[in-house]
Amino acid sequence: MADLVIEGSDLVVHLSTFEKAEAVHGNVTLPLSAVVSVEAVDDAWPHLRGMRAPGTGIPNVVAVGTRRGTFGKDFAAVHGTGAALVVELEGAAYQRIVVTHDDAVALAGTINAARTTG
């Protein structure tokens, strides 16, 4: 499962080896200063937008990779249903990151605390 980690002044989406293959992409590193908001949600699927290109997708099962649309680019690492983080960004390579995570509420708090103190 992907994890979001704060490394210095960056927010990094760490992907497993399998997820890197699914995404056709490596880890995603974004400046923490680009984070506009972080929200823990019960279900990631309503927050996905655009078309997968490149990546892997089966509705309500897996969505891993870049998603493109008129908004620009988002990145998703979504497996199954359940809790997720939705990170809105501005001035970064991606406009939104959506990642399923077992402890989304705690992780959202950690990221929000880091961005307000950073």
C-alpha atoms as a PDB file:
ATOM      1  CA  MET A   1       0.000   0.000   0.000  1.00  0.00           C
ATOM      2  CA  ALA A   2       1.239   3.491  -0.831  1.00  0.00           C
ATOM      3  CA  ASP A   3       2.213   5.772   2.017  1.00  0.00           C
ATOM      4  CA  LEU A   4       2.530   9.532   2.272  1.00  0.00           C
ATOM      5  CA  VAL A   5       5.660  10.619   4.127  1.00  0.00           C
ATOM      6  CA  ILE A   6       7.070  14.016   4.967  1.00  0.00           C
ATOM      7  CA  GLU A   7      10.746  14.153   4.040  1.00  0.00           C
ATOM      8  CA  GLY A   8      12.266  17.528   4.859  1.00  0.00           C
ATOM      9  CA  SER A   9      10.219  20.109   2.953  1.00  0.00           C
ATOM     10  CA  ASP A  10       8.595  17.525   0.662  1.00  0.00           C
ATOM     11  CA  LEU A  11       5.540  15.304   0.724  1.00  0.00           C
ATOM     12  CA  VAL A  12       6.436  11.971  -0.854  1.00  0.00           C
ATOM     13  CA  VAL A  13       4.048   9.291  -2.089  1.00  0.00           C
ATOM     14  CA  HIS A  14       6.039   6.111  -1.490  1.00  0.00           C
ATOM     15  CA  LEU A  15       4.840   3.321  -3.765  1.00  0.00           C
ATOM     16  CA  SER A  16       5.486  -0.370  -3.327  1.00  0.00           C
ATOM     17  CA  THR A  17       7.329  -2.160  -6.129  1.00  0.00           C
ATOM     18  CA  PHE A  18       4.010  -3.570  -7.342  1.00  0.00           C
ATOM     19  CA  GLU A  19       2.395  -0.113  -7.291  1.00  0.00           C
ATOM     20  CA  LYS A  20       5.279   1.319  -9.297  1.00  0.00           C
ATOM     21  CA  ALA A  21       4.505  -1.281 -11.971  1.00  0.00           C
ATOM     22  CA  GLU A  22       0.761  -0.527 -11.761  1.00  0.00           C
ATOM     23  CA  ALA A  23       1.381   3.210 -12.030  1.00  0.00           C
ATOM     24  CA  VAL A  24       4.136   3.008 -14.642  1.00  0.00           C
ATOM     25  CA  HIS A  25       5.708   5.605 -12.360  1.00  0.00           C
ATOM     26  CA  GLY A  26       8.088   5.905  -9.434  1.00  0.00           C
ATOM     27  CA  ASN A  27       7.525   7.626  -6.109  1.00  0.00           C
ATOM     28  CA  VAL A  28       5.938  11.065  -6.344  1.00  0.00           C
ATOM     29  CA  THR A  29       7.703  13.941  -4.587  1.00  0.00           C
ATOM     30  CA  LEU A  30       5.932  17.275  -4.133  1.00  0.00           C
ATOM     31  CA  PRO A  31       6.821  20.377  -2.140  1.00  0.00           C
ATOM     32  CA  LEU A  32       4.936  20.491   1.157  1.00  0.00           C
ATOM     33  CA  SER A  33       4.419  24.207   0.471  1.00  0.00           C
ATOM     34  CA  ALA A  34       2.182  23.268  -2.501  1.00  0.00           C
ATOM     35  CA  VAL A  35      -0.342  21.502  -0.240  1.00  0.00           C
ATOM     36  CA  VAL A  36      -3.539  23.547  -0.069  1.00  0.00           C
ATOM     37  CA  SER A  37      -5.643  21.063   1.902  1.00  0.00           C
ATOM     38  CA  VAL A  38      -5.630  17.505   3.206  1.00  0.00           C
ATOM     39  CA  GLU A  39      -8.838  15.612   3.866  1.00  0.00           C
ATOM     40  CA  ALA A  40      -9.512  12.116   5.167  1.00  0.00           C
ATOM     41  CA  VAL A  41     -12.490  10.562   3.362  1.00  0.00           C
ATOM     42  CA  ASP A  42     -14.420   7.318   3.781  1.00  0.00           C
ATOM     43  CA  ASP A  43     -14.258   6.421   0.076  1.00  0.00           C
ATOM     44  CA  ALA A  44     -11.628   7.455  -2.481  1.00  0.00           C
ATOM     45  CA  TRP A  45     -13.633   6.676  -5.617  1.00  0.00           C
ATOM     46  CA  PRO A  46     -15.831   9.809  -5.709  1.00  0.00           C
ATOM     47  CA  HIS A  47     -12.655  11.924  -5.520  1.00  0.00           C
ATOM     48  CA  LEU A  48     -10.990  10.450  -8.599  1.00  0.00           C
ATOM     49  CA  ARG A  49     -11.338  12.504 -11.739  1.00  0.00           C
ATOM     50  CA  GLY A  50     -10.112  12.437 -15.308  1.00  0.00           C
ATOM     51  CA  MET A  51      -8.864   9.554 -17.395  1.00  0.00           C
ATOM     52  CA  ARG A  52      -6.094   7.179 -16.372  1.00  0.00           C
ATOM     53  CA  ALA A  53      -3.028   7.731 -18.525  1.00  0.00           C
ATOM     54  CA  PRO A  54      -0.755   5.902 -17.753  1.00  0.00           C
ATOM     55  CA  GLY A  55      -1.614   3.489 -14.985  1.00  0.00           C
ATOM     56  CA  THR A  56      -3.857   0.636 -13.950  1.00  0.00           C
ATOM     57  CA  GLY A  57      -7.573   0.861 -13.370  1.00  0.00           C
ATOM     58  CA  ILE A  58     -10.517  -1.391 -12.598  1.00  0.00           C
ATOM     59  CA  PRO A  59     -13.495   0.558 -11.178  1.00  0.00           C
ATOM     60  CA  ASN A  60     -13.953   0.076  -7.423  1.00  0.00           C
ATOM     61  CA  VAL A  61     -10.949  -2.280  -7.348  1.00  0.00           C
ATOM     62  CA  VAL A  62      -7.772  -0.395  -8.294  1.00  0.00           C
ATOM     63  CA  ALA A  63      -6.766   3.019  -9.643  1.00  0.00           C
ATOM     64  CA  VAL A  64      -3.026   3.613  -9.595  1.00  0.00           C
ATOM     65  CA  GLY A  65      -1.226   6.147 -11.758  1.00  0.00           C
ATOM     66  CA  THR A  66      -1.630   9.514 -13.394  1.00  0.00           C
ATOM     67  CA  ARG A  67      -5.106  10.817 -14.167  1.00  0.00           C
ATOM     68  CA  ARG A  68      -5.518  13.557 -16.753  1.00  0.00           C
ATOM     69  CA  GLY A  69      -8.287  15.994 -17.584  1.00  0.00           C
ATOM     70  CA  THR A  70      -9.025  19.653 -18.244  1.00  0.00           C
ATOM     71  CA  PHE A  71      -7.890  20.306 -14.643  1.00  0.00           C
ATOM     72  CA  GLY A  72      -4.361  19.066 -15.452  1.00  0.00           C
ATOM     73  CA  LYS A  73      -2.954  15.967 -13.720  1.00  0.00           C
ATOM     74  CA  ASP A  74      -3.810  14.065 -10.550  1.00  0.00           C
ATOM     75  CA  PHE A  75      -2.077  11.036  -9.070  1.00  0.00           C
ATOM     76  CA  ALA A  76      -3.927   8.123  -7.485  1.00  0.00           C
ATOM     77  CA  ALA A  77      -2.885   5.066  -5.499  1.00  0.00           C
ATOM     78  CA  VAL A  78      -6.262   3.565  -4.667  1.00  0.00           C
ATOM     79  CA  HIS A  79      -6.847  -0.082  -3.801  1.00  0.00           C
ATOM     80  CA  GLY A  80     -10.312  -1.345  -2.947  1.00  0.00           C
ATOM     81  CA  THR A  81     -12.708   0.687  -0.895  1.00  0.00           C
ATOM     82  CA  GLY A  82     -12.181   2.311   2.435  1.00  0.00           C
ATOM     83  CA  ALA A  83     -10.496   5.292   4.008  1.00  0.00           C
ATOM     84  CA  ALA A  84      -8.344   7.558   1.880  1.00  0.00           C
ATOM     85  CA  LEU A  85      -6.516  10.861   1.839  1.00  0.00           C
ATOM     86  CA  VAL A  86      -7.303  13.576  -0.677  1.00  0.00           C
ATOM     87  CA  VAL A  87      -4.500  16.126  -0.956  1.00  0.00           C
ATOM     88  CA  GLU A  88      -5.218  19.285  -2.973  1.00  0.00           C
ATOM     89  CA  LEU A  89      -2.149  21.016  -4.405  1.00  0.00           C
ATOM     90  CA  GLU A  90      -1.350  24.284  -6.108  1.00  0.00           C
ATOM     91  CA  GLY A  91       1.697  25.082  -8.212  1.00  0.00           C
ATOM     92  CA  ALA A  92       2.922  21.472  -8.279  1.00  0.00           C
ATOM     93  CA  ALA A  93       3.222  18.760 -10.928  1.00  0.00           C
ATOM     94  CA  TYR A  94      -0.150  17.337  -9.784  1.00  0.00           C
ATOM     95  CA  GLN A  95      -3.307  19.116  -8.689  1.00  0.00           C
ATOM     96  CA  ARG A  96      -4.613  16.307  -6.479  1.00  0.00           C
ATOM     97  CA  ILE A  97      -3.273  13.169  -4.815  1.00  0.00           C
ATOM     98  CA  VAL A  98      -5.714  10.437  -3.747  1.00  0.00           C
ATOM     99  CA  VAL A  99      -4.312   7.543  -1.709  1.00  0.00           C
ATOM    100  CA  THR A 100      -6.113   4.823   0.226  1.00  0.00           C
ATOM    101  CA  HIS A 101      -4.716   4.501   3.736  1.00  0.00           C
ATOM    102  CA  ASP A 102      -5.775   2.484   6.782  1.00  0.00           C
ATOM    103  CA  ASP A 103      -5.250   5.436   9.139  1.00  0.00           C
ATOM    104  CA  ALA A 104      -6.233   8.336   6.892  1.00  0.00           C
ATOM    105  CA  VAL A 105      -7.466  10.548   9.731  1.00  0.00           C
ATOM    106  CA  ALA A 106      -4.180  10.386  11.670  1.00  0.00           C
ATOM    107  CA  LEU A 107      -2.098  10.867   8.524  1.00  0.00           C
ATOM    108  CA  ALA A 108      -4.172  13.889   7.485  1.00  0.00           C
ATOM    109  CA  GLY A 109      -3.493  15.402  10.909  1.00  0.00           C
ATOM    110  CA  THR A 110       0.240  14.750  10.599  1.00  0.00           C
ATOM    111  CA  ILE A 111       0.427  16.376   7.158  1.00  0.00           C
ATOM    112  CA  ASN A 112      -1.710  19.359   8.217  1.00  0.00           C
ATOM    113  CA  ALA A 113       0.475  19.907  11.273  1.00  0.00           C
ATOM    114  CA  ALA A 114       3.656  19.766   9.172  1.00  0.00           C
ATOM    115  CA  ARG A 115       2.366  22.251   6.612  1.00  0.00           C
ATOM    116  CA  THR A 116       1.294  24.775   9.247  1.00  0.00           C
ATOM    117  CA  THR A 117       4.584  24.560  11.157  1.00  0.00           C
ATOM    118  CA  GLY A 118       6.841  24.167   8.112  1.00  0.00           C
END
